Amino acid sequence: PDCTNTGLTEGSQCSVCKKIIVKQNSIPKLSHNYVDRHCSLCDGWEPSVGLEFEENSSGYTLVGIGTCSDRIISIPSEYNGKPVTEIARDSFYITDGSVGKIIIPDSVLNVSEYAITVNNFLFLEVGKNAKLGFMAVSAMGGCEVINKTGKAIGKESFKVDTYAPLVINNGDTLLTKYTEDGLGFLYSDGKYYLCDYIGRSDVLSLPALYNGSTYTIASTCFAYKDTISKVIFGTGVEAVGFTAFSGSTLSEVDLTGRLSELSMLSFSGCKYLKNVVIPDNIVTIESQCFDGSGIVTATIGKSVQKIEHSMFANCNDADTLYFNAVNCEKVGSMHSSFKHVVIGKDVISVPTEFMKKNENLVSVTFEEGSKCKSIGGGAFLGTSITSVIIPETVEFLGGFVECELLSEVYFNAKNCITAASPFKKSGTAEGIVFKIGSTATRLPATLLSEAKLKSLEFEENSSCAYIENIGKFGIKNMTLPDTVRDFYNGVFDLNTLIIGDDNPYIDIENNCIIRNDDNALIAVISNEYTIPARVKVILKDAFYYSNVTEIYIPDTVEKMEIGCLNSSVVVSVRIPFVGITADETIMLHNLFGPEQKSGYAHITVNYIGYYVPSTLRELIIGGGKIVGDNMIKNMGIKIVKISKNVTKIDIYALMGISEIYYEGSEEEWKETLYSPTNKLNGVIYNAEF
């Protein structure tokens, strides 16, 4: 006898007549000699106890792990004296890496689909009679199958992670080989995987090559390992799988080497990992890479180009992030808790939504000598920063929206061209002190749109030349630096605006603010104004912020911008020609513009919407061009006065007008009027205006 078979006593038989002389008797099996649950006599495993079974027509079905806590689960061939013939769906669902091997006995005939699920590398021994269903075994960290059926087992019965091996081994010898350090390597689909670790070293220096080849750290390889404290990657690792170190006792990691990508959840739940440096060889970081880890400080290397979402989610001890990625193209919101962010001097672009909704963030610092050109939209949205210095090199500014504790901004961007309302809904109850550095040459449009502004302050020796529509604040008692060449009039209270006598670019004349280089009217200060003859251009909103009720444009003007006539209380308008320039006709509503404003009425002309002052009742046309069909349609004007210098009038342009005054005679009118009948009743001729 041995521990798997019964024996027989010695007997004898006549060699001539074959008569039994001494009868043989059965001898019981010997007991297994289990050492660490492994029998030294038969090489078998001690059956696991505590598993759950349900009776079926031919014996019993394994339905659950029950109270069994074995790392090596050996399914018994019998239960209550009957054979175990099936393994049911969801019998094993083990996510903590506690099971490393499962042995299916010869008694089992069927393994149902989705019967075994583990999140680690698994050794699976399949008995002689088992048939595996579709996706019967799911092993995230990979699987080596010892197939004793004598038949081929298809890969469709298994599910392993992208970064994990699957080998179906028809022999008895394990193909997974272990180094002296306890590192288990397996060759699968043309490459090597580091798939298991059974060593006890706390510091691991991973080999540069294995069998002359680089390798992948398989998913979950070191997950939940409670011995490792430091891992040095080196040049051998070319990829690292999902959750490779999740939940381990790792406290230090050196990622320098060949590796270019960190996979999803690679270091999640590493509570002892306090500091991490992402070296320059890393290009991509997938989602939730350090989710729930103990990170206090982190450094992002220069070469990182893409960071998927939630990289540092649930890192509750996070303090300082050093961000050195030169031109990171994409960052999904990190959901981080960092209190401080330092932007490296070589960073060209701070990504969109970089620190979005990080309410713990109180400071953002750009290193001296910063080369940053772009701060992406939403980069610091909803954070708790209190102050920020915008570097000299920034050309596009976004990202500081809804920062309700922001009290001071030092804007030093030398030539910021575009801004996307970067401080919208930002500022304390008292507002933001916005300081303009000496190197800033331009304040771009929407820079402070919808921000809570306390004051706008220019540093001595300011070089600011252009102030666009940064926001409509009506700032009182502002003295413009002598370097300012042009500004948007809605920013300041024009009645209290001070333009120094030494400013060569802007003058105030007859209550008109004039840009000297092209004699353009920037703004009218009050109703008591006369546009000087030198003015050739009327700029957008030139009248809007003075609440002018009567607009008179002299005949010397050569160009009028769209929106130049804006005034919400205007009653009467006199223009020398109908159009943007004297050589170009255009609809009058365009001179008020398509922007919705308070006190304006919406009209539709040729299916296009416009907003015009609801108070406008009188139009005076100086002449020289056609008064076209759509010129004043639907505008609500009641009185039109037309110079005899007008060369052509479309009758349909004047339909619905209550009073029409014409400077010339009736004969001249008939020559000018363009209509089938050349008639229009109610015209007053030889009118003076």
Foldseek 3Di string as FASTA:
>chain_A
DEQVDKDKDDWDADPPPRHTPGDIDIGDYDHFDDDVQAGPGPRDGNAWPQFDWDADPQAIEGAARGPTQAQEHEHDQHDPRGGHAEQDACRAAEEQNRHAEYEAEQNHQEQEANRHEYAAEHEYEHYQRYDADFCSYEYALEYEYAYNNPDDHDCRSYHYHPQHAYHDHPDDDDQFDADPQQFTWHDHPHFIERGEGDHQAQEEEDDLADPNAAYEHTACRQDLAARHAEYEDAARHAYYYACSNAQYCHQYYHPPYQYAEQDHCPQANNANHAEEEAEQSHAEYEACPHANYCYAEYEYYQRHAEYEEQPHANNQNHEEYEYRHQHHPYHHANNHQYQEYEYEQNHAEQHANQPAQNQNHAYYHYDPNHQYAYYHAQNQHNYQHAEYEADQNHQEDAHQELNANHAEYEYNHQHHAYYDLRHANYAYPLFHAYEYEQRHAEAYACLPANGGHNYYYYDPNHQHAEAENNYQDQDAQDEDPLNHQYHQVSNHLLVRYHYDPNNPQWDQDQQFIAGPVQRETRARNEQRGDRDLSRAEQDACRYANHLHQEAEDDLSHFAYAFNRPDHQNHAEYEDAAADRGLVGHDAQLRNNNADDDPQWDWDADPNDIGTHHPNYAEYEYNADEEADLRRCPPVNHAEYEYELRHQAYEPNNCPPHNEYEYLADLVSQLNRYDDPVSDDPHYHYNDDD
